[in-house]
Amino acid sequence: MYPGLAYQGPPPTTPPRRDWRPPRIVEPAQPRRLPVQDHIRIDEEEARARTLTRGIGIVVGAILIVVLCALCGREVF
């Protein structure tokens, strides 16, 4: 496009010194062991939560159907 203009590449850089990182002083502690989990109780609580969620969904769905039928019934008559 422009004669004589060409990309020359990035400017030259100098590599960092070998000791540019701070010295490592303290090693982190080993991770602790997690407590034992009661898988049976966890499964029971998840089942109760699932039942509650589905029950709320059924009730809300029934209310929406009743409201929808009431609104559509007003328009028809």
N, C-alpha and C. Protein backbone atom coordinates (compact mmCIF):
# COMPACT_ATOMS: atom_id res chain seq x y z
N MET A 1 0.81 -1.17 0.00
CA MET A 1 0.00 0.00 0.00
C MET A 1 0.87 1.26 0.00
N TYR A 2 1.75 1.36 1.01
CA TYR A 2 2.67 2.50 1.10
C TYR A 2 4.08 1.99 0.80
N PRO A 3 4.65 2.41 -0.28
CA PRO A 3 5.99 1.93 -0.60
C PRO A 3 7.02 2.45 0.41
N GLY A 4 7.92 1.62 0.77
CA GLY A 4 8.99 1.99 1.68
C GLY A 4 8.63 1.79 3.16
N LEU A 5 7.36 1.56 3.47
CA LEU A 5 6.95 1.33 4.85
C LEU A 5 6.71 -0.17 5.04
N ALA A 6 7.42 -0.75 5.95
CA ALA A 6 7.26 -2.17 6.24
C ALA A 6 7.42 -2.37 7.74
N TYR A 7 6.81 -3.38 8.24
CA TYR A 7 6.90 -3.68 9.67
C TYR A 7 8.29 -4.17 9.99
N GLN A 8 8.93 -3.52 10.93
CA GLN A 8 10.31 -3.85 11.28
C GLN A 8 10.40 -4.90 12.39
N GLY A 9 9.30 -5.27 12.97
CA GLY A 9 9.30 -6.24 14.06
C GLY A 9 9.33 -5.54 15.40
N PRO A 10 9.21 -6.27 16.48
CA PRO A 10 9.20 -5.65 17.80
C PRO A 10 10.59 -5.13 18.16
N PRO A 11 10.65 -4.19 19.09
CA PRO A 11 11.96 -3.69 19.48
C PRO A 11 12.74 -4.76 20.22
N PRO A 12 14.04 -4.71 20.19
CA PRO A 12 14.84 -5.72 20.88
C PRO A 12 14.69 -5.58 22.39
N THR A 13 14.71 -6.70 23.08
CA THR A 13 14.60 -6.69 24.53
C THR A 13 15.81 -7.37 25.14
N THR A 14 16.04 -7.04 26.39
CA THR A 14 17.12 -7.71 27.10
C THR A 14 16.50 -8.71 28.07
N PRO A 15 17.05 -9.89 28.17
CA PRO A 15 16.48 -10.88 29.08
C PRO A 15 16.66 -10.44 30.53
N PRO A 16 15.76 -10.87 31.43
CA PRO A 16 15.90 -10.48 32.84
C PRO A 16 17.10 -11.17 33.47
N ARG A 17 17.54 -10.62 34.60
CA ARG A 17 18.66 -11.22 35.32
C ARG A 17 18.25 -12.61 35.81
N ARG A 18 19.21 -13.43 36.12
CA ARG A 18 18.92 -14.79 36.57
C ARG A 18 18.29 -14.80 37.96
N ASP A 19 18.59 -13.78 38.77
CA ASP A 19 18.06 -13.75 40.14
C ASP A 19 16.95 -12.71 40.29
N TRP A 20 16.12 -12.54 39.27
CA TRP A 20 15.10 -11.50 39.32
C TRP A 20 13.94 -11.87 40.23
N ARG A 21 13.74 -13.14 40.55
CA ARG A 21 12.64 -13.55 41.43
C ARG A 21 13.05 -13.44 42.88
N PRO A 22 12.09 -13.08 43.77
CA PRO A 22 12.43 -13.01 45.19
C PRO A 22 12.71 -14.41 45.73
N PRO A 23 13.55 -14.52 46.75
CA PRO A 23 13.84 -15.85 47.29
C PRO A 23 12.62 -16.43 48.00
N ARG A 24 12.49 -17.74 47.91
CA ARG A 24 11.40 -18.43 48.56
C ARG A 24 11.83 -18.74 49.99
N ILE A 25 11.07 -18.18 50.97
CA ILE A 25 11.47 -18.31 52.36
C ILE A 25 10.65 -19.37 53.10
N VAL A 26 9.32 -19.29 52.98
CA VAL A 26 8.45 -20.17 53.75
C VAL A 26 7.71 -21.12 52.80
N GLU A 27 7.77 -22.38 53.09
CA GLU A 27 7.01 -23.36 52.32
C GLU A 27 5.60 -23.46 52.94
N PRO A 28 4.59 -23.57 52.12
CA PRO A 28 3.24 -23.69 52.68
C PRO A 28 3.04 -25.03 53.38
N ALA A 29 2.14 -25.04 54.35
CA ALA A 29 1.85 -26.27 55.09
C ALA A 29 1.09 -27.24 54.20
N GLN A 30 1.18 -28.49 54.54
CA GLN A 30 0.44 -29.51 53.81
C GLN A 30 -1.06 -29.31 54.03
N PRO A 31 -1.89 -29.60 53.04
CA PRO A 31 -3.33 -29.42 53.23
C PRO A 31 -3.87 -30.38 54.29
N ARG A 32 -4.89 -29.89 55.01
CA ARG A 32 -5.50 -30.73 56.04
C ARG A 32 -6.41 -31.76 55.39
N ARG A 33 -6.68 -32.83 56.11
CA ARG A 33 -7.61 -33.84 55.63
C ARG A 33 -9.03 -33.36 55.87
N LEU A 34 -9.90 -33.59 54.93
CA LEU A 34 -11.30 -33.20 55.08
C LEU A 34 -11.99 -34.15 56.03
N PRO A 35 -13.03 -33.67 56.72
CA PRO A 35 -13.76 -34.57 57.61
C PRO A 35 -14.52 -35.63 56.81
N VAL A 36 -14.79 -36.73 57.46
CA VAL A 36 -15.53 -37.82 56.81
C VAL A 36 -16.96 -37.36 56.56
N GLN A 37 -17.49 -37.71 55.41
CA GLN A 37 -18.84 -37.31 55.05
C GLN A 37 -19.80 -38.48 55.25
N ASP A 38 -21.01 -38.15 55.69
CA ASP A 38 -22.06 -39.15 55.86
C ASP A 38 -22.88 -39.17 54.57
N HIS A 39 -22.51 -40.04 53.65
CA HIS A 39 -23.13 -40.05 52.32
C HIS A 39 -24.60 -40.44 52.38
N ILE A 40 -24.98 -41.29 53.29
CA ILE A 40 -26.39 -41.70 53.39
C ILE A 40 -27.23 -40.49 53.80
N ARG A 41 -26.76 -39.72 54.81
CA ARG A 41 -27.52 -38.55 55.25
C ARG A 41 -27.58 -37.49 54.15
N ILE A 42 -26.49 -37.32 53.42
CA ILE A 42 -26.47 -36.35 52.32
C ILE A 42 -27.49 -36.74 51.26
N ASP A 43 -27.56 -38.02 50.91
CA ASP A 43 -28.53 -38.49 49.91
C ASP A 43 -29.96 -38.27 50.39
N GLU A 44 -30.22 -38.52 51.68
CA GLU A 44 -31.57 -38.32 52.23
C GLU A 44 -31.96 -36.84 52.18
N GLU A 45 -31.03 -35.95 52.54
CA GLU A 45 -31.32 -34.52 52.50
C GLU A 45 -31.54 -34.03 51.08
N GLU A 46 -30.79 -34.56 50.13
CA GLU A 46 -30.99 -34.19 48.73
C GLU A 46 -32.36 -34.66 48.24
N ALA A 47 -32.79 -35.86 48.67
CA ALA A 47 -34.09 -36.37 48.27
C ALA A 47 -35.21 -35.50 48.85
N ARG A 48 -35.06 -35.08 50.12
CA ARG A 48 -36.08 -34.21 50.71
C ARG A 48 -36.12 -32.86 49.99
N ALA A 49 -34.97 -32.32 49.65
CA ALA A 49 -34.92 -31.04 48.94
C ALA A 49 -35.55 -31.17 47.56
N ARG A 50 -35.29 -32.28 46.88
CA ARG A 50 -35.88 -32.52 45.56
C ARG A 50 -37.40 -32.60 45.66
N THR A 51 -37.91 -33.30 46.69
CA THR A 51 -39.35 -33.43 46.87
C THR A 51 -39.98 -32.07 47.14
N LEU A 52 -39.36 -31.27 47.99
CA LEU A 52 -39.87 -29.94 48.29
C LEU A 52 -39.88 -29.07 47.04
N THR A 53 -38.82 -29.11 46.26
CA THR A 53 -38.73 -28.29 45.05
C THR A 53 -39.81 -28.68 44.05
N ARG A 54 -40.00 -29.98 43.85
CA ARG A 54 -41.04 -30.43 42.92
C ARG A 54 -42.42 -30.08 43.43
N GLY A 55 -42.65 -30.19 44.74
CA GLY A 55 -43.95 -29.82 45.31
C GLY A 55 -44.27 -28.35 45.09
N ILE A 56 -43.28 -27.49 45.34
CA ILE A 56 -43.48 -26.05 45.11
C ILE A 56 -43.75 -25.79 43.63
N GLY A 57 -43.04 -26.49 42.75
CA GLY A 57 -43.26 -26.32 41.32
C GLY A 57 -44.65 -26.73 40.89
N ILE A 58 -45.17 -27.81 41.47
CA ILE A 58 -46.53 -28.27 41.13
C ILE A 58 -47.56 -27.26 41.60
N VAL A 59 -47.39 -26.73 42.83
CA VAL A 59 -48.34 -25.75 43.35
C VAL A 59 -48.32 -24.48 42.50
N VAL A 60 -47.14 -24.00 42.16
CA VAL A 60 -47.03 -22.79 41.34
C VAL A 60 -47.62 -23.03 39.96
N GLY A 61 -47.36 -24.20 39.38
CA GLY A 61 -47.93 -24.52 38.07
C GLY A 61 -49.45 -24.56 38.11
N ALA A 62 -50.02 -25.13 39.19
CA ALA A 62 -51.48 -25.19 39.31
C ALA A 62 -52.06 -23.78 39.44
N ILE A 63 -51.41 -22.93 40.22
CA ILE A 63 -51.89 -21.55 40.36
C ILE A 63 -51.83 -20.82 39.02
N LEU A 64 -50.76 -21.02 38.27
CA LEU A 64 -50.65 -20.37 36.96
C LEU A 64 -51.73 -20.85 35.99
N ILE A 65 -52.05 -22.13 36.04
CA ILE A 65 -53.10 -22.65 35.16
C ILE A 65 -54.44 -22.04 35.54
N VAL A 66 -54.73 -21.93 36.84
CA VAL A 66 -56.00 -21.33 37.28
C VAL A 66 -56.07 -19.87 36.83
N VAL A 67 -54.98 -19.12 37.01
CA VAL A 67 -54.97 -17.72 36.60
C VAL A 67 -55.12 -17.60 35.10
N LEU A 68 -54.43 -18.46 34.34
CA LEU A 68 -54.53 -18.44 32.89
C LEU A 68 -55.95 -18.75 32.43
N CYS A 69 -56.57 -19.75 33.04
CA CYS A 69 -57.95 -20.08 32.69
C CYS A 69 -58.90 -18.94 33.03
N ALA A 70 -58.67 -18.27 34.16
CA ALA A 70 -59.53 -17.14 34.53
C ALA A 70 -59.37 -15.99 33.55
N LEU A 71 -58.14 -15.70 33.16
CA LEU A 71 -57.92 -14.60 32.21
C LEU A 71 -58.48 -14.91 30.82
N CYS A 72 -58.29 -16.15 30.38
CA CYS A 72 -58.81 -16.52 29.05
C CYS A 72 -60.33 -16.63 29.08
N GLY A 73 -60.88 -17.06 30.20
CA GLY A 73 -62.34 -17.16 30.32
C GLY A 73 -63.00 -15.79 30.27
N ARG A 74 -62.35 -14.77 30.78
CA ARG A 74 -62.91 -13.41 30.72
C ARG A 74 -62.94 -12.90 29.30
N GLU A 75 -61.97 -13.26 28.49
CA GLU A 75 -61.90 -12.77 27.12
C GLU A 75 -62.92 -13.46 26.21
N VAL A 76 -63.26 -14.70 26.52
CA VAL A 76 -64.16 -15.46 25.65
C VAL A 76 -65.59 -15.00 25.83
N PHE A 77 -65.98 -14.75 27.07
CA PHE A 77 -67.39 -14.41 27.33
C PHE A 77 -67.62 -12.94 27.33
